[in-house]
C-alpha atoms as a PDB file:
ATOM      1  CA  MET A   1      36.926   5.268 -30.772  1.00  0.00           C
ATOM      2  CA  THR A   2      34.428   7.448 -32.545  1.00  0.00           C
ATOM      3  CA  GLU A   3      32.249   5.248 -34.678  1.00  0.00           C
ATOM      4  CA  THR A   4      30.049   6.489 -37.417  1.00  0.00           C
ATOM      5  CA  HIS A   5      26.810   4.649 -37.717  1.00  0.00           C
ATOM      6  CA  SER A   6      24.352   4.584 -40.517  1.00  0.00           C
ATOM      7  CA  LYS A   7      21.273   6.746 -40.339  1.00  0.00           C
ATOM      8  CA  SER A   8      18.987   3.731 -39.915  1.00  0.00           C
ATOM      9  CA  ARG A   9      21.069   2.423 -37.014  1.00  0.00           C
ATOM     10  CA  LYS A  10      20.938   5.799 -35.272  1.00  0.00           C
ATOM     11  CA  GLN A  11      17.166   5.897 -35.721  1.00  0.00           C
ATOM     12  CA  ALA A  12      16.883   2.345 -34.389  1.00  0.00           C
ATOM     13  CA  GLU A  13      18.962   3.204 -31.321  1.00  0.00           C
ATOM     14  CA  ILE A  14      16.841   6.291 -30.653  1.00  0.00           C
ATOM     15  CA  ALA A  15      13.651   4.237 -30.996  1.00  0.00           C
ATOM     16  CA  PHE A  16      15.055   1.570 -28.687  1.00  0.00           C
ATOM     17  CA  GLY A  17      16.045   4.223 -26.153  1.00  0.00           C
ATOM     18  CA  ASN A  18      12.514   5.643 -26.227  1.00  0.00           C
ATOM     19  CA  VAL A  19      10.953   2.209 -25.688  1.00  0.00           C
ATOM     20  CA  GLN A  20      13.391   1.454 -22.910  1.00  0.00           C
ATOM     21  CA  SER A  21      12.625   4.785 -21.232  1.00  0.00           C
ATOM     22  CA  GLN A  22       8.891   4.046 -21.364  1.00  0.00           C
ATOM     23  CA  PHE A  23       9.489   0.598 -19.897  1.00  0.00           C
ATOM     24  CA  LEU A  24      11.592   1.980 -17.039  1.00  0.00           C
ATOM     25  CA  GLU A  25       9.034   4.709 -16.339  1.00  0.00           C
ATOM     26  CA  ARG A  26       6.267   2.106 -16.242  1.00  0.00           C
ATOM     27  CA  SER A  27       8.339  -0.021 -13.870  1.00  0.00           C
ATOM     28  CA  ARG A  28       8.817   2.946 -11.543  1.00  0.00           C
ATOM     29  CA  ALA A  29       5.094   3.687 -11.594  1.00  0.00           C
ATOM     30  CA  VAL A  30       4.232   0.061 -10.809  1.00  0.00           C
ATOM     31  CA  GLU A  31       6.727   0.009  -7.938  1.00  0.00           C
ATOM     32  CA  GLU A  32       5.221   3.195  -6.534  1.00  0.00           C
ATOM     33  CA  ILE A  33       1.705   1.767  -6.730  1.00  0.00           C
ATOM     34  CA  ASP A  34       2.865  -1.485  -5.133  1.00  0.00           C
ATOM     35  CA  SER A  35       4.497   0.357  -2.245  1.00  0.00           C
ATOM     36  CA  THR A  36       1.323   2.416  -1.727  1.00  0.00           C
ATOM     37  CA  VAL A  37      -0.814  -0.722  -1.686  1.00  0.00           C
ATOM     38  CA  ARG A  38       1.604  -2.461   0.684  1.00  0.00           C
ATOM     39  CA  ALA A  39       1.593   0.528   3.067  1.00  0.00           C
ATOM     40  CA  ARG A  40      -2.231   0.638   2.998  1.00  0.00           C
ATOM     41  CA  GLU A  41      -2.468  -3.085   3.765  1.00  0.00           C
ATOM     42  CA  GLU A  42       0.004  -2.769   6.659  1.00  0.00           C
ATOM     43  CA  LYS A  43      -1.919   0.174   8.111  1.00  0.00           C
ATOM     44  CA  THR A  44      -5.218  -1.679   7.749  1.00  0.00           C
ATOM     45  CA  LEU A  45      -3.732  -4.673   9.574  1.00  0.00           C
ATOM     46  CA  ARG A  46      -2.444  -2.470  12.422  1.00  0.00           C
ATOM     47  CA  LEU A  47      -5.810  -0.735  12.762  1.00  0.00           C
ATOM     48  CA  ARG A  48      -7.683  -4.054  12.710  1.00  0.00           C
ATOM     49  CA  GLN A  49      -5.427  -5.484  15.419  1.00  0.00           C
ATOM     50  CA  ALA A  50      -5.879  -2.365  17.546  1.00  0.00           C
ATOM     51  CA  ARG A  51      -9.668  -2.499  17.112  1.00  0.00           C
ATOM     52  CA  GLU A  52      -9.814  -6.205  17.983  1.00  0.00           C
ATOM     53  CA  ALA A  53      -7.637  -5.646  21.062  1.00  0.00           C
ATOM     54  CA  LYS A  54      -9.919  -2.797  22.193  1.00  0.00           C
ATOM     55  CA  GLU A  55     -13.030  -4.907  21.619  1.00  0.00           C
ATOM     56  CA  LEU A  56     -11.508  -7.735  23.649  1.00  0.00           C
ATOM     57  CA  GLN A  57     -10.580  -5.324  26.433  1.00  0.00           C
ATOM     58  CA  ASP A  58     -14.101  -3.872  26.389  1.00  0.00           C
ATOM     59  CA  ARG A  59     -15.616  -7.360  26.625  1.00  0.00           C
ATOM     60  CA  LEU A  60     -13.344  -8.296  29.515  1.00  0.00           C
ATOM     61  CA  THR A  61     -14.165  -5.043  31.297  1.00  0.00           C
ATOM     62  CA  ALA A  62     -17.885  -5.548  30.739  1.00  0.00           C
ATOM     63  CA  THR A  63     -17.846  -9.050  32.232  1.00  0.00           C
ATOM     64  CA  THR A  64     -15.840  -8.050  35.305  1.00  0.00           C
ATOM     65  CA  ALA A  65     -17.621  -4.756  35.992  1.00  0.00           C
ATOM     66  CA  PRO A  66     -20.565  -4.886  38.399  1.00  0.00           C
ATOM     67  CA  VAL A  67     -23.959  -4.855  36.765  1.00  0.00           C
ATOM     68  CA  ALA A  68     -25.581  -1.455  37.051  1.00  0.00           C
ATOM     69  CA  LYS A  69     -28.902  -1.436  38.855  1.00  0.00           C
ATOM     70  CA  ARG A  70     -31.858  -0.740  36.683  1.00  0.00           C
ATOM     71  CA  LYS A  71     -34.201   2.099  37.565  1.00  0.00           C
ATOM     72  CA  LYS A  72     -37.556   1.051  38.866  1.00  0.00           C
ATOM     73  CA  LYS A  73     -40.526   1.863  36.696  1.00  0.00           C
ATOM     74  CA  ILE A  74     -43.117   3.988  38.360  1.00  0.00           C
END
């Protein structure tokens, strides 16, 4: 089962392993960045929806609340 390979083949396999490791590391980094971006976009959407709901509530409250009397100028 033990195979002896030529020196050039061993060097080629080591080089391939290094390239493959770099590729996998890059893939992990890209996935991490993508998940960070996705989380930021989801949070931004939640905050925007909350702000718009509050603004709508404020507008509804302002239209139903009695108008405050203005002070008379002396």
